[in-house]
Amino acid sequence: MDLTAWELLLPEGMLEYFEVASVEKDIESYTISLVEKRLQPGEFSGLRLSSHGFHNESTVKDFPLRGKACYLKVKRRRWVNEDTGEVISRNWELVAKGTRMTKEFAAFLKALHRQHSGKL
């Protein structure tokens, strides 16, 4: 089994949808910045979509690492339907229900979804 260090530290399944963009360390915490990969959402298959930038970055507190706080800064991708002009995003609740991800990753995605919904 070939595991990267990120697979050991991040919620299981995270690297399927996100790439690690940067990591910052200071006296009290680690901050891992993640960017959603350019993978067309499966729930919109059959639609002509193009990547249309990102939502505002969200920060989620994760489990501590080596006695320091750990924050995941997540940039979720936006898509535009080329036929209607509608801007859409991956439905993380469907992803959580439709995959074999861990409860930890599903909880992470729920927190991310709640945080994003609160900013609308």
PDB file of N, CA and C in Angstrom:
ATOM      1  N   MET A   1       0.850  -1.175   0.000  1.00  0.00           N
ATOM      2  CA  MET A   1       0.000   0.000   0.000  1.00  0.00           C
ATOM      3  C   MET A   1       0.895   1.237   0.000  1.00  0.00           C
ATOM      4  N   ASP A   2       0.646   2.167  -0.906  1.00  0.00           N
ATOM      5  CA  ASP A   2       1.453   3.358  -1.054  1.00  0.00           C
ATOM      6  C   ASP A   2       0.694   4.571  -0.508  1.00  0.00           C
ATOM      7  N   LEU A   3       0.972   4.955   0.716  1.00  0.00           N
ATOM      8  CA  LEU A   3       0.305   6.093   1.335  1.00  0.00           C
ATOM      9  C   LEU A   3       1.233   7.297   1.374  1.00  0.00           C
ATOM     10  N   THR A   4       0.695   8.455   1.036  1.00  0.00           N
ATOM     11  CA  THR A   4       1.467   9.681   1.195  1.00  0.00           C
ATOM     12  C   THR A   4       1.237  10.195   2.615  1.00  0.00           C
ATOM     13  N   ALA A   5       2.086  11.097   3.034  1.00  0.00           N
ATOM     14  CA  ALA A   5       1.922  11.693   4.369  1.00  0.00           C
ATOM     15  C   ALA A   5       0.572  12.400   4.475  1.00  0.00           C
ATOM     16  N   TRP A   6       0.127  13.039   3.386  1.00  0.00           N
ATOM     17  CA  TRP A   6      -1.160  13.741   3.425  1.00  0.00           C
ATOM     18  C   TRP A   6      -2.314  12.774   3.638  1.00  0.00           C
ATOM     19  N   GLU A   7      -2.225  11.590   3.062  1.00  0.00           N
ATOM     20  CA  GLU A   7      -3.289  10.603   3.250  1.00  0.00           C
ATOM     21  C   GLU A   7      -3.382  10.174   4.711  1.00  0.00           C
ATOM     22  N   LEU A   8      -2.272  10.239   5.410  1.00  0.00           N
ATOM     23  CA  LEU A   8      -2.269   9.873   6.824  1.00  0.00           C
ATOM     24  C   LEU A   8      -2.805  10.994   7.708  1.00  0.00           C
ATOM     25  N   LEU A   9      -2.649  12.245   7.281  1.00  0.00           N
ATOM     26  CA  LEU A   9      -3.029  13.384   8.107  1.00  0.00           C
ATOM     27  C   LEU A   9      -4.428  13.924   7.830  1.00  0.00           C
ATOM     28  N   LEU A  10      -4.849  13.870   6.585  1.00  0.00           N
ATOM     29  CA  LEU A  10      -6.138  14.461   6.210  1.00  0.00           C
ATOM     30  C   LEU A  10      -7.258  13.437   6.325  1.00  0.00           C
ATOM     31  N   PRO A  11      -8.499  13.917   6.442  1.00  0.00           N
ATOM     32  CA  PRO A  11      -9.628  12.978   6.483  1.00  0.00           C
ATOM     33  C   PRO A  11      -9.599  12.047   5.267  1.00  0.00           C
ATOM     34  N   GLU A  12      -9.917  10.788   5.495  1.00  0.00           N
ATOM     35  CA  GLU A  12      -9.880   9.800   4.421  1.00  0.00           C
ATOM     36  C   GLU A  12     -10.778  10.230   3.270  1.00  0.00           C
ATOM     37  N   GLY A  13     -10.274  10.132   2.065  1.00  0.00           N
ATOM     38  CA  GLY A  13     -11.026  10.511   0.879  1.00  0.00           C
ATOM     39  C   GLY A  13     -10.831  11.951   0.449  1.00  0.00           C
ATOM     40  N   MET A  14     -10.229  12.758   1.294  1.00  0.00           N
ATOM     41  CA  MET A  14     -10.057  14.192   1.010  1.00  0.00           C
ATOM     42  C   MET A  14      -9.262  14.433  -0.272  1.00  0.00           C
ATOM     43  N   LEU A  15      -8.201  13.668  -0.470  1.00  0.00           N
ATOM     44  CA  LEU A  15      -7.329  13.895  -1.624  1.00  0.00           C
ATOM     45  C   LEU A  15      -7.961  13.444  -2.930  1.00  0.00           C
ATOM     46  N   GLU A  16      -9.095  12.761  -2.844  1.00  0.00           N
ATOM     47  CA  GLU A  16      -9.822  12.402  -4.058  1.00  0.00           C
ATOM     48  C   GLU A  16     -10.417  13.655  -4.705  1.00  0.00           C
ATOM     49  N   TYR A  17     -10.774  14.643  -3.886  1.00  0.00           N
ATOM     50  CA  TYR A  17     -11.442  15.839  -4.370  1.00  0.00           C
ATOM     51  C   TYR A  17     -10.616  17.122  -4.247  1.00  0.00           C
ATOM     52  N   PHE A  18      -9.572  17.110  -3.406  1.00  0.00           N
ATOM     53  CA  PHE A  18      -8.798  18.322  -3.145  1.00  0.00           C
ATOM     54  C   PHE A  18      -7.300  18.078  -3.302  1.00  0.00           C
ATOM     55  N   GLU A  19      -6.588  19.152  -3.648  1.00  0.00           N
ATOM     56  CA  GLU A  19      -5.126  19.136  -3.712  1.00  0.00           C
ATOM     57  C   GLU A  19      -4.591  20.033  -2.604  1.00  0.00           C
ATOM     58  N   VAL A  20      -3.459  19.653  -2.034  1.00  0.00           N
ATOM     59  CA  VAL A  20      -2.806  20.494  -1.028  1.00  0.00           C
ATOM     60  C   VAL A  20      -2.082  21.600  -1.772  1.00  0.00           C
ATOM     61  N   ALA A  21      -2.480  22.855  -1.508  1.00  0.00           N
ATOM     62  CA  ALA A  21      -1.889  24.008  -2.190  1.00  0.00           C
ATOM     63  C   ALA A  21      -0.714  24.580  -1.405  1.00  0.00           C
ATOM     64  N   SER A  22      -0.845  24.600  -0.079  1.00  0.00           N
ATOM     65  CA  SER A  22       0.235  25.131   0.749  1.00  0.00           C
ATOM     66  C   SER A  22       0.046  24.677   2.191  1.00  0.00           C
ATOM     67  N   VAL A  23       1.122  24.805   2.952  1.00  0.00           N
ATOM     68  CA  VAL A  23       1.090  24.495   4.384  1.00  0.00           C
ATOM     69  C   VAL A  23       1.854  25.586   5.107  1.00  0.00           C
ATOM     70  N   GLU A  24       1.254  26.108   6.158  1.00  0.00           N
ATOM     71  CA  GLU A  24       1.912  27.131   6.972  1.00  0.00           C
ATOM     72  C   GLU A  24       1.986  26.636   8.413  1.00  0.00           C
ATOM     73  N   LYS A  25       3.075  26.967   9.059  1.00  0.00           N
ATOM     74  CA  LYS A  25       3.275  26.583  10.453  1.00  0.00           C
ATOM     75  C   LYS A  25       3.662  27.832  11.219  1.00  0.00           C
ATOM     76  N   ASP A  26       3.007  28.035  12.362  1.00  0.00           N
ATOM     77  CA  ASP A  26       3.450  29.100  13.252  1.00  0.00           C
ATOM     78  C   ASP A  26       3.575  28.517  14.656  1.00  0.00           C
ATOM     79  N   ILE A  27       3.774  29.342  15.626  1.00  0.00           N
ATOM     80  CA  ILE A  27       4.027  28.872  16.997  1.00  0.00           C
ATOM     81  C   ILE A  27       2.866  28.044  17.546  1.00  0.00           C
ATOM     82  N   GLU A  28       1.627  28.409  17.195  1.00  0.00           N
ATOM     83  CA  GLU A  28       0.464  27.765  17.791  1.00  0.00           C
ATOM     84  C   GLU A  28      -0.307  26.825  16.878  1.00  0.00           C
ATOM     85  N   SER A  29      -0.047  26.872  15.547  1.00  0.00           N
ATOM     86  CA  SER A  29      -0.913  26.084  14.669  1.00  0.00           C
ATOM     87  C   SER A  29      -0.258  25.728  13.335  1.00  0.00           C
ATOM     88  N   TYR A  30      -0.942  24.801  12.655  1.00  0.00           N
ATOM     89  CA  TYR A  30      -0.645  24.446  11.269  1.00  0.00           C
ATOM     90  C   TYR A  30      -1.871  24.837  10.451  1.00  0.00           C
ATOM     91  N   THR A  31      -1.647  25.356   9.264  1.00  0.00           N
ATOM     92  CA  THR A  31      -2.740  25.673   8.359  1.00  0.00           C
ATOM     93  C   THR A  31      -2.449  25.001   7.023  1.00  0.00           C
ATOM     94  N   ILE A  32      -3.356  24.129   6.621  1.00  0.00           N
ATOM     95  CA  ILE A  32      -3.215  23.402   5.357  1.00  0.00           C
ATOM     96  C   ILE A  32      -4.256  23.962   4.397  1.00  0.00           C
ATOM     97  N   SER A  33      -3.796  24.527   3.285  1.00  0.00           N
ATOM     98  CA  SER A  33      -4.705  25.085   2.278  1.00  0.00           C
ATOM     99  C   SER A  33      -4.982  24.036   1.213  1.00  0.00           C
ATOM    100  N   LEU A  34      -6.270  23.839   0.942  1.00  0.00           N
ATOM    101  CA  LEU A  34      -6.717  22.820  -0.013  1.00  0.00           C
ATOM    102  C   LEU A  34      -7.569  23.476  -1.096  1.00  0.00           C
ATOM    103  N   VAL A  35      -7.368  23.023  -2.333  1.00  0.00           N
ATOM    104  CA  VAL A  35      -8.117  23.548  -3.470  1.00  0.00           C
ATOM    105  C   VAL A  35      -8.837  22.385  -4.143  1.00  0.00           C
ATOM    106  N   GLU A  36     -10.141  22.567  -4.378  1.00  0.00           N
ATOM    107  CA  GLU A  36     -10.911  21.506  -5.026  1.00  0.00           C
ATOM    108  C   GLU A  36     -10.371  21.256  -6.428  1.00  0.00           C
ATOM    109  N   LYS A  37     -10.201  19.982  -6.747  1.00  0.00           N
ATOM    110  CA  LYS A  37      -9.699  19.597  -8.066  1.00  0.00           C
ATOM    111  C   LYS A  37     -10.705  19.957  -9.161  1.00  0.00           C
ATOM    112  N   ARG A  38     -10.205  20.052 -10.352  1.00  0.00           N
ATOM    113  CA  ARG A  38     -11.050  20.400 -11.489  1.00  0.00           C
ATOM    114  C   ARG A  38     -11.693  19.126 -12.056  1.00  0.00           C
ATOM    115  N   LEU A  39     -12.540  18.501 -11.252  1.00  0.00           N
ATOM    116  CA  LEU A  39     -13.269  17.291 -11.638  1.00  0.00           C
ATOM    117  C   LEU A  39     -14.747  17.641 -11.717  1.00  0.00           C
ATOM    118  N   GLN A  40     -15.348  17.484 -12.875  1.00  0.00           N
ATOM    119  CA  GLN A  40     -16.755  17.845 -13.025  1.00  0.00           C
ATOM    120  C   GLN A  40     -17.600  17.038 -12.047  1.00  0.00           C
ATOM    121  N   PRO A  41     -18.496  17.707 -11.312  1.00  0.00           N
ATOM    122  CA  PRO A  41     -19.349  16.996 -10.353  1.00  0.00           C
ATOM    123  C   PRO A  41     -20.204  15.937 -11.027  1.00  0.00           C
ATOM    124  N   GLY A  42     -20.181  14.729 -10.479  1.00  0.00           N
ATOM    125  CA  GLY A  42     -20.934  13.613 -11.045  1.00  0.00           C
ATOM    126  C   GLY A  42     -22.429  13.852 -11.075  1.00  0.00           C
ATOM    127  N   GLU A  43     -22.953  14.607 -10.113  1.00  0.00           N
ATOM    128  CA  GLU A  43     -24.397  14.843 -10.070  1.00  0.00           C
ATOM    129  C   GLU A  43     -24.867  15.739 -11.210  1.00  0.00           C
ATOM    130  N   PHE A  44     -23.912  16.335 -11.941  1.00  0.00           N
ATOM    131  CA  PHE A  44     -24.256  17.178 -13.092  1.00  0.00           C
ATOM    132  C   PHE A  44     -23.726  16.586 -14.393  1.00  0.00           C
ATOM    133  N   SER A  45     -23.507  15.269 -14.414  1.00  0.00           N
ATOM    134  CA  SER A  45     -23.001  14.651 -15.640  1.00  0.00           C
ATOM    135  C   SER A  45     -24.022  14.856 -16.758  1.00  0.00           C
ATOM    136  N   GLY A  46     -23.528  15.029 -17.950  1.00  0.00           N
ATOM    137  CA  GLY A  46     -24.399  15.287 -19.090  1.00  0.00           C
ATOM    138  C   GLY A  46     -24.581  16.765 -19.375  1.00  0.00           C
ATOM    139  N   LEU A  47     -24.243  17.623 -18.406  1.00  0.00           N
ATOM    140  CA  LEU A  47     -24.327  19.065 -18.626  1.00  0.00           C
ATOM    141  C   LEU A  47     -22.989  19.573 -19.139  1.00  0.00           C
ATOM    142  N   ARG A  48     -23.050  20.615 -19.937  1.00  0.00           N
ATOM    143  CA  ARG A  48     -21.814  21.248 -20.405  1.00  0.00           C
ATOM    144  C   ARG A  48     -21.393  22.276 -19.362  1.00  0.00           C
ATOM    145  N   LEU A  49     -20.398  21.907 -18.557  1.00  0.00           N
ATOM    146  CA  LEU A  49     -19.920  22.781 -17.487  1.00  0.00           C
ATOM    147  C   LEU A  49     -18.501  23.239 -17.772  1.00  0.00           C
ATOM    148  N   SER A  50     -18.203  24.435 -17.303  1.00  0.00           N
ATOM    149  CA  SER A  50     -16.817  24.894 -17.329  1.00  0.00           C
ATOM    150  C   SER A  50     -16.498  25.473 -15.958  1.00  0.00           C
ATOM    151  N   SER A  51     -15.253  25.307 -15.557  1.00  0.00           N
ATOM    152  CA  SER A  51     -14.818  25.815 -14.260  1.00  0.00           C
ATOM    153  C   SER A  51     -14.957  27.342 -14.261  1.00  0.00           C
ATOM    154  N   HIS A  52     -15.478  27.876 -13.169  1.00  0.00           N
ATOM    155  CA  HIS A  52     -15.789  29.308 -13.102  1.00  0.00           C
ATOM    156  C   HIS A  52     -15.271  29.910 -11.787  1.00  0.00           C
ATOM    157  N   GLY A  53     -14.020  29.640 -11.465  1.00  0.00           N
ATOM    158  CA  GLY A  53     -13.432  30.207 -10.256  1.00  0.00           C
ATOM    159  C   GLY A  53     -13.788  29.430  -9.002  1.00  0.00           C
ATOM    160  N   PHE A  54     -13.720  30.135  -7.878  1.00  0.00           N
ATOM    161  CA  PHE A  54     -13.901  29.487  -6.581  1.00  0.00           C
ATOM    162  C   PHE A  54     -14.820  30.306  -5.690  1.00  0.00           C
ATOM    163  N   HIS A  55     -15.442  29.612  -4.740  1.00  0.00           N
ATOM    164  CA  HIS A  55     -16.168  30.289  -3.665  1.00  0.00           C
ATOM    165  C   HIS A  55     -15.132  30.908  -2.730  1.00  0.00           C
ATOM    166  N   ASN A  56     -15.586  31.766  -1.827  1.00  0.00           N
ATOM    167  CA  ASN A  56     -14.679  32.287  -0.810  1.00  0.00           C
ATOM    168  C   ASN A  56     -14.129  31.129   0.004  1.00  0.00           C
ATOM    169  N   GLU A  57     -12.900  31.267   0.408  1.00  0.00           N
ATOM    170  CA  GLU A  57     -12.235  30.226   1.186  1.00  0.00           C
ATOM    171  C   GLU A  57     -12.928  30.048   2.531  1.00  0.00           C
ATOM    172  N   SER A  58     -13.084  28.799   2.946  1.00  0.00           N
ATOM    173  CA  SER A  58     -13.656  28.473   4.253  1.00  0.00           C
ATOM    174  C   SER A  58     -12.572  27.831   5.107  1.00  0.00           C
ATOM    175  N   THR A  59     -12.606  28.097   6.399  1.00  0.00           N
ATOM    176  CA  THR A  59     -11.638  27.503   7.317  1.00  0.00           C
ATOM    177  C   THR A  59     -12.365  26.581   8.283  1.00  0.00           C
ATOM    178  N   VAL A  60     -11.858  25.359   8.388  1.00  0.00           N
ATOM    179  CA  VAL A  60     -12.435  24.358   9.278  1.00  0.00           C
ATOM    180  C   VAL A  60     -11.343  23.892  10.232  1.00  0.00           C
ATOM    181  N   LYS A  61     -11.671  23.850  11.521  1.00  0.00           N
ATOM    182  CA  LYS A  61     -10.705  23.352  12.501  1.00  0.00           C
ATOM    183  C   LYS A  61     -10.717  21.835  12.470  1.00  0.00           C
ATOM    184  N   ASP A  62      -9.533  21.253  12.353  1.00  0.00           N
ATOM    185  CA  ASP A  62      -9.399  19.803  12.290  1.00  0.00           C
ATOM    186  C   ASP A  62      -8.745  19.318  13.583  1.00  0.00           C
ATOM    187  N   PHE A  63      -8.419  18.039  13.641  1.00  0.00           N
ATOM    188  CA  PHE A  63      -7.760  17.472  14.813  1.00  0.00           C
ATOM    189  C   PHE A  63      -6.379  18.106  14.997  1.00  0.00           C
ATOM    190  N   PRO A  64      -5.956  18.318  16.238  1.00  0.00           N
ATOM    191  CA  PRO A  64      -4.625  18.889  16.486  1.00  0.00           C
ATOM    192  C   PRO A  64      -3.512  17.983  15.951  1.00  0.00           C
ATOM    193  N   LEU A  65      -2.413  18.613  15.562  1.00  0.00           N
ATOM    194  CA  LEU A  65      -1.217  17.897  15.111  1.00  0.00           C
ATOM    195  C   LEU A  65      -0.056  18.270  16.013  1.00  0.00           C
ATOM    196  N   ARG A  66       0.577  17.278  16.586  1.00  0.00           N
ATOM    197  CA  ARG A  66       1.759  17.514  17.429  1.00  0.00           C
ATOM    198  C   ARG A  66       1.524  18.611  18.479  1.00  0.00           C
ATOM    199  N   GLY A  67       0.330  18.600  19.062  1.00  0.00           N
ATOM    200  CA  GLY A  67       0.021  19.543  20.135  1.00  0.00           C
ATOM    201  C   GLY A  67      -0.330  20.945  19.664  1.00  0.00           C
ATOM    202  N   LYS A  68      -0.476  21.140  18.362  1.00  0.00           N
ATOM    203  CA  LYS A  68      -0.843  22.451  17.824  1.00  0.00           C
ATOM    204  C   LYS A  68      -2.193  22.343  17.127  1.00  0.00           C
ATOM    205  N   ALA A  69      -2.903  23.468  17.112  1.00  0.00           N
ATOM    206  CA  ALA A  69      -4.172  23.509  16.378  1.00  0.00           C
ATOM    207  C   ALA A  69      -3.898  23.263  14.901  1.00  0.00           C
ATOM    208  N   CYS A  70      -4.867  22.681  14.216  1.00  0.00           N
ATOM    209  CA  CYS A  70      -4.726  22.424  12.785  1.00  0.00           C
ATOM    210  C   CYS A  70      -5.968  22.963  12.079  1.00  0.00           C
ATOM    211  N   TYR A  71      -5.737  23.810  11.099  1.00  0.00           N
ATOM    212  CA  TYR A  71      -6.824  24.407  10.337  1.00  0.00           C
ATOM    213  C   TYR A  71      -6.713  23.993   8.877  1.00  0.00           C
ATOM    214  N   LEU A  72      -7.858  23.673   8.292  1.00  0.00           N
ATOM    215  CA  LEU A  72      -7.917  23.356   6.874  1.00  0.00           C
ATOM    216  C   LEU A  72      -8.627  24.515   6.188  1.00  0.00           C
ATOM    217  N   LYS A  73      -7.908  25.207   5.306  1.00  0.00           N
ATOM    218  CA  LYS A  73      -8.506  26.285   4.519  1.00  0.00           C
ATOM    219  C   LYS A  73      -8.888  25.672   3.182  1.00  0.00           C
ATOM    220  N   VAL A  74     -10.179  25.727   2.871  1.00  0.00           N
ATOM    221  CA  VAL A  74     -10.708  24.995   1.724  1.00  0.00           C
ATOM    222  C   VAL A  74     -11.298  25.963   0.705  1.00  0.00           C
ATOM    223  N   LYS A  75     -10.849  25.809  -0.542  1.00  0.00           N
ATOM    224  CA  LYS A  75     -11.411  26.578  -1.659  1.00  0.00           C
ATOM    225  C   LYS A  75     -12.213  25.614  -2.518  1.00  0.00           C
ATOM    226  N   ARG A  76     -13.531  25.834  -2.526  1.00  0.00           N
ATOM    227  CA  ARG A  76     -14.435  24.994  -3.316  1.00  0.00           C
ATOM    228  C   ARG A  76     -14.629  25.615  -4.692  1.00  0.00           C
ATOM    229  N   ARG A  77     -14.657  24.778  -5.686  1.00  0.00           N
ATOM    230  CA  ARG A  77     -14.770  25.224  -7.080  1.00  0.00           C
ATOM    231  C   ARG A  77     -16.215  25.554  -7.445  1.00  0.00           C
ATOM    232  N   ARG A  78     -16.377  26.564  -8.305  1.00  0.00           N
ATOM    233  CA  ARG A  78     -17.678  26.887  -8.897  1.00  0.00           C
ATOM    234  C   ARG A  78     -17.638  26.474 -10.364  1.00  0.00           C
ATOM    235  N   TRP A  79     -18.803  26.110 -10.861  1.00  0.00           N
ATOM    236  CA  TRP A  79     -18.940  25.714 -12.264  1.00  0.00           C
ATOM    237  C   TRP A  79     -20.056  26.533 -12.886  1.00  0.00           C
ATOM    238  N   VAL A  80     -19.970  26.787 -14.185  1.00  0.00           N
ATOM    239  CA  VAL A  80     -21.054  27.459 -14.881  1.00  0.00           C
ATOM    240  C   VAL A  80     -21.600  26.504 -15.950  1.00  0.00           C
ATOM    241  N   ASN A  81     -22.919  26.406 -15.977  1.00  0.00           N
ATOM    242  CA  ASN A  81     -23.594  25.617 -17.000  1.00  0.00           C
ATOM    243  C   ASN A  81     -23.559  26.452 -18.278  1.00  0.00           C
ATOM    244  N   GLU A  82     -22.858  25.965 -19.286  1.00  0.00           N
ATOM    245  CA  GLU A  82     -22.662  26.740 -20.506  1.00  0.00           C
ATOM    246  C   GLU A  82     -23.956  26.963 -21.284  1.00  0.00           C
ATOM    247  N   ASP A  83     -24.971  26.152 -21.054  1.00  0.00           N
ATOM    248  CA  ASP A  83     -26.243  26.310 -21.764  1.00  0.00           C
ATOM    249  C   ASP A  83     -27.178  27.297 -21.084  1.00  0.00           C
ATOM    250  N   THR A  84     -27.145  27.355 -19.737  1.00  0.00           N
ATOM    251  CA  THR A  84     -28.085  28.218 -19.011  1.00  0.00           C
ATOM    252  C   THR A  84     -27.417  29.410 -18.330  1.00  0.00           C
ATOM    253  N   GLY A  85     -26.098  29.352 -18.152  1.00  0.00           N
ATOM    254  CA  GLY A  85     -25.404  30.418 -17.434  1.00  0.00           C
ATOM    255  C   GLY A  85     -25.487  30.272 -15.918  1.00  0.00           C
ATOM    256  N   GLU A  86     -26.171  29.243 -15.442  1.00  0.00           N
ATOM    257  CA  GLU A  86     -26.331  29.013 -13.996  1.00  0.00           C
ATOM    258  C   GLU A  86     -24.995  28.600 -13.379  1.00  0.00           C
ATOM    259  N   VAL A  87     -24.688  29.185 -12.225  1.00  0.00           N
ATOM    260  CA  VAL A  87     -23.478  28.828 -11.490  1.00  0.00           C
ATOM    261  C   VAL A  87     -23.843  27.747 -10.479  1.00  0.00           C
ATOM    262  N   ILE A  88     -23.090  26.653 -10.486  1.00  0.00           N
ATOM    263  CA  ILE A  88     -23.376  25.522  -9.606  1.00  0.00           C
ATOM    264  C   ILE A  88     -22.095  25.060  -8.916  1.00  0.00           C
ATOM    265  N   SER A  89     -22.253  24.236  -7.895  1.00  0.00           N
ATOM    266  CA  SER A  89     -21.131  23.655  -7.154  1.00  0.00           C
ATOM    267  C   SER A  89     -21.454  22.208  -6.842  1.00  0.00           C
ATOM    268  N   ARG A  90     -20.412  21.458  -6.526  1.00  0.00           N
ATOM    269  CA  ARG A  90     -20.590  20.062  -6.141  1.00  0.00           C
ATOM    270  C   ARG A  90     -21.475  20.002  -4.897  1.00  0.00           C
ATOM    271  N   ASN A  91     -22.415  19.066  -4.878  1.00  0.00           N
ATOM    272  CA  ASN A  91     -23.295  18.870  -3.730  1.00  0.00           C
ATOM    273  C   ASN A  91     -22.605  17.907  -2.769  1.00  0.00           C
ATOM    274  N   TRP A  92     -21.997  18.447  -1.711  1.00  0.00           N
ATOM    275  CA  TRP A  92     -21.221  17.609  -0.795  1.00  0.00           C
ATOM    276  C   TRP A  92     -22.080  16.647  -0.002  1.00  0.00           C
ATOM    277  N   GLU A  93     -23.362  16.961   0.189  1.00  0.00           N
ATOM    278  CA  GLU A  93     -24.233  16.013   0.883  1.00  0.00           C
ATOM    279  C   GLU A  93     -24.434  14.769   0.024  1.00  0.00           C
ATOM    280  N   LEU A  94     -24.574  14.952  -1.304  1.00  0.00           N
ATOM    281  CA  LEU A  94     -24.691  13.786  -2.191  1.00  0.00           C
ATOM    282  C   LEU A  94     -23.404  12.988  -2.204  1.00  0.00           C
ATOM    283  N   VAL A  95     -22.276  13.662  -2.211  1.00  0.00           N
ATOM    284  CA  VAL A  95     -20.990  12.972  -2.199  1.00  0.00           C
ATOM    285  C   VAL A  95     -20.887  12.112  -0.943  1.00  0.00           C
ATOM    286  N   ALA A  96     -21.274  12.675   0.196  1.00  0.00           N
ATOM    287  CA  ALA A  96     -21.186  11.940   1.458  1.00  0.00           C
ATOM    288  C   ALA A  96     -22.087  10.704   1.436  1.00  0.00           C
ATOM    289  N   LYS A  97     -23.280  10.813   0.857  1.00  0.00           N
ATOM    290  CA  LYS A  97     -24.211   9.688   0.816  1.00  0.00           C
ATOM    291  C   LYS A  97     -23.819   8.653  -0.231  1.00  0.00           C
ATOM    292  N   GLY A  98     -23.219   9.114  -1.342  1.00  0.00           N
ATOM    293  CA  GLY A  98     -23.006   8.226  -2.464  1.00  0.00           C
ATOM    294  C   GLY A  98     -21.636   7.582  -2.558  1.00  0.00           C
ATOM    295  N   THR A  99     -20.780   7.773  -1.556  1.00  0.00           N
ATOM    296  CA  THR A  99     -19.446   7.193  -1.626  1.00  0.00           C
ATOM    297  C   THR A  99     -19.159   6.381  -0.383  1.00  0.00           C
ATOM    298  N   ARG A 100     -18.009   5.772  -0.388  1.00  0.00           N
ATOM    299  CA  ARG A 100     -17.599   4.935   0.742  1.00  0.00           C
ATOM    300  C   ARG A 100     -16.636   5.694   1.650  1.00  0.00           C
ATOM    301  N   MET A 101     -16.918   6.971   1.879  1.00  0.00           N
ATOM    302  CA  MET A 101     -16.023   7.765   2.722  1.00  0.00           C
ATOM    303  C   MET A 101     -16.283   7.491   4.198  1.00  0.00           C
ATOM    304  N   THR A 102     -15.346   7.863   5.010  1.00  0.00           N
ATOM    305  CA  THR A 102     -15.484   7.652   6.443  1.00  0.00           C
ATOM    306  C   THR A 102     -16.478   8.648   7.037  1.00  0.00           C
ATOM    307  N   LYS A 103     -16.957   8.343   8.209  1.00  0.00           N
ATOM    308  CA  LYS A 103     -17.841   9.265   8.928  1.00  0.00           C
ATOM    309  C   LYS A 103     -17.109  10.582   9.197  1.00  0.00           C
ATOM    310  N   GLU A 104     -15.807  10.487   9.449  1.00  0.00           N
ATOM    311  CA  GLU A 104     -15.005  11.684   9.717  1.00  0.00           C
ATOM    312  C   GLU A 104     -15.024  12.630   8.513  1.00  0.00           C
ATOM    313  N   PHE A 105     -14.820  12.086   7.312  1.00  0.00           N
ATOM    314  CA  PHE A 105     -14.802  12.927   6.124  1.00  0.00           C
ATOM    315  C   PHE A 105     -16.201  13.473   5.838  1.00  0.00           C
ATOM    316  N   ALA A 106     -17.231  12.651   6.026  1.00  0.00           N
ATOM    317  CA  ALA A 106     -18.604  13.114   5.823  1.00  0.00           C
ATOM    318  C   ALA A 106     -18.927  14.251   6.791  1.00  0.00           C
ATOM    319  N   ALA A 107     -18.494  14.132   8.048  1.00  0.00           N
ATOM    320  CA  ALA A 107     -18.711  15.197   9.027  1.00  0.00           C
ATOM    321  C   ALA A 107     -17.976  16.463   8.621  1.00  0.00           C
ATOM    322  N   PHE A 108     -16.762  16.300   8.102  1.00  0.00           N
ATOM    323  CA  PHE A 108     -15.987  17.443   7.620  1.00  0.00           C
ATOM    324  C   PHE A 108     -16.746  18.156   6.506  1.00  0.00           C
ATOM    325  N   LEU A 109     -17.259  17.395   5.549  1.00  0.00           N
ATOM    326  CA  LEU A 109     -17.976  17.989   4.421  1.00  0.00           C
ATOM    327  C   LEU A 109     -19.263  18.667   4.876  1.00  0.00           C
ATOM    328  N   LYS A 110     -19.949  18.076   5.858  1.00  0.00           N
ATOM    329  CA  LYS A 110     -21.156  18.698   6.393  1.00  0.00           C
ATOM    330  C   LYS A 110     -20.832  20.040   7.027  1.00  0.00           C
ATOM    331  N   ALA A 111     -19.741  20.094   7.803  1.00  0.00           N
ATOM    332  CA  ALA A 111     -19.327  21.344   8.439  1.00  0.00           C
ATOM    333  C   ALA A 111     -18.982  22.384   7.380  1.00  0.00           C
ATOM    334  N   LEU A 112     -18.310  21.948   6.346  1.00  0.00           N
ATOM    335  CA  LEU A 112     -17.946  22.848   5.256  1.00  0.00           C
ATOM    336  C   LEU A 112     -19.196  23.380   4.568  1.00  0.00           C
ATOM    337  N   HIS A 113     -20.168  22.506   4.321  1.00  0.00           N
ATOM    338  CA  HIS A 113     -21.407  22.908   3.672  1.00  0.00           C
ATOM    339  C   HIS A 113     -22.180  23.902   4.542  1.00  0.00           C
ATOM    340  N   ARG A 114     -22.283  23.629   5.848  1.00  0.00           N
ATOM    341  CA  ARG A 114     -22.984  24.532   6.772  1.00  0.00           C
ATOM    342  C   ARG A 114     -22.310  25.889   6.795  1.00  0.00           C
ATOM    343  N   GLN A 115     -20.981  25.881   6.843  1.00  0.00           N
ATOM    344  CA  GLN A 115     -20.239  27.135   6.899  1.00  0.00           C
ATOM    345  C   GLN A 115     -20.461  27.946   5.626  1.00  0.00           C
ATOM    346  N   HIS A 116     -20.453  27.284   4.482  1.00  0.00           N
ATOM    347  CA  HIS A 116     -20.661  27.977   3.216  1.00  0.00           C
ATOM    348  C   HIS A 116     -22.102  28.495   3.106  1.00  0.00           C
ATOM    349  N   SER A 117     -23.069  27.695   3.517  1.00  0.00           N
ATOM    350  CA  SER A 117     -24.480  28.075   3.430  1.00  0.00           C
ATOM    351  C   SER A 117     -24.775  29.299   4.292  1.00  0.00           C
ATOM    352  N   GLY A 118     -24.082  29.411   5.403  1.00  0.00           N
ATOM    353  CA  GLY A 118     -24.268  30.550   6.295  1.00  0.00           C
ATOM    354  C   GLY A 118     -23.773  31.854   5.723  1.00  0.00           C
ATOM    355  N   LYS A 119     -22.929  31.792   4.705  1.00  0.00           N
ATOM    356  CA  LYS A 119     -22.363  33.010   4.109  1.00  0.00           C
ATOM    357  C   LYS A 119     -23.190  33.530   2.952  1.00  0.00           C
ATOM    358  N   LEU A 120     -24.211  32.782   2.537  1.00  0.00           N
ATOM    359  CA  LEU A 120     -25.034  33.205   1.402  1.00  0.00           C
ATOM    360  C   LEU A 120     -25.945  34.350   1.765  1.00  0.00           C
TER     361      LEU A 120
END
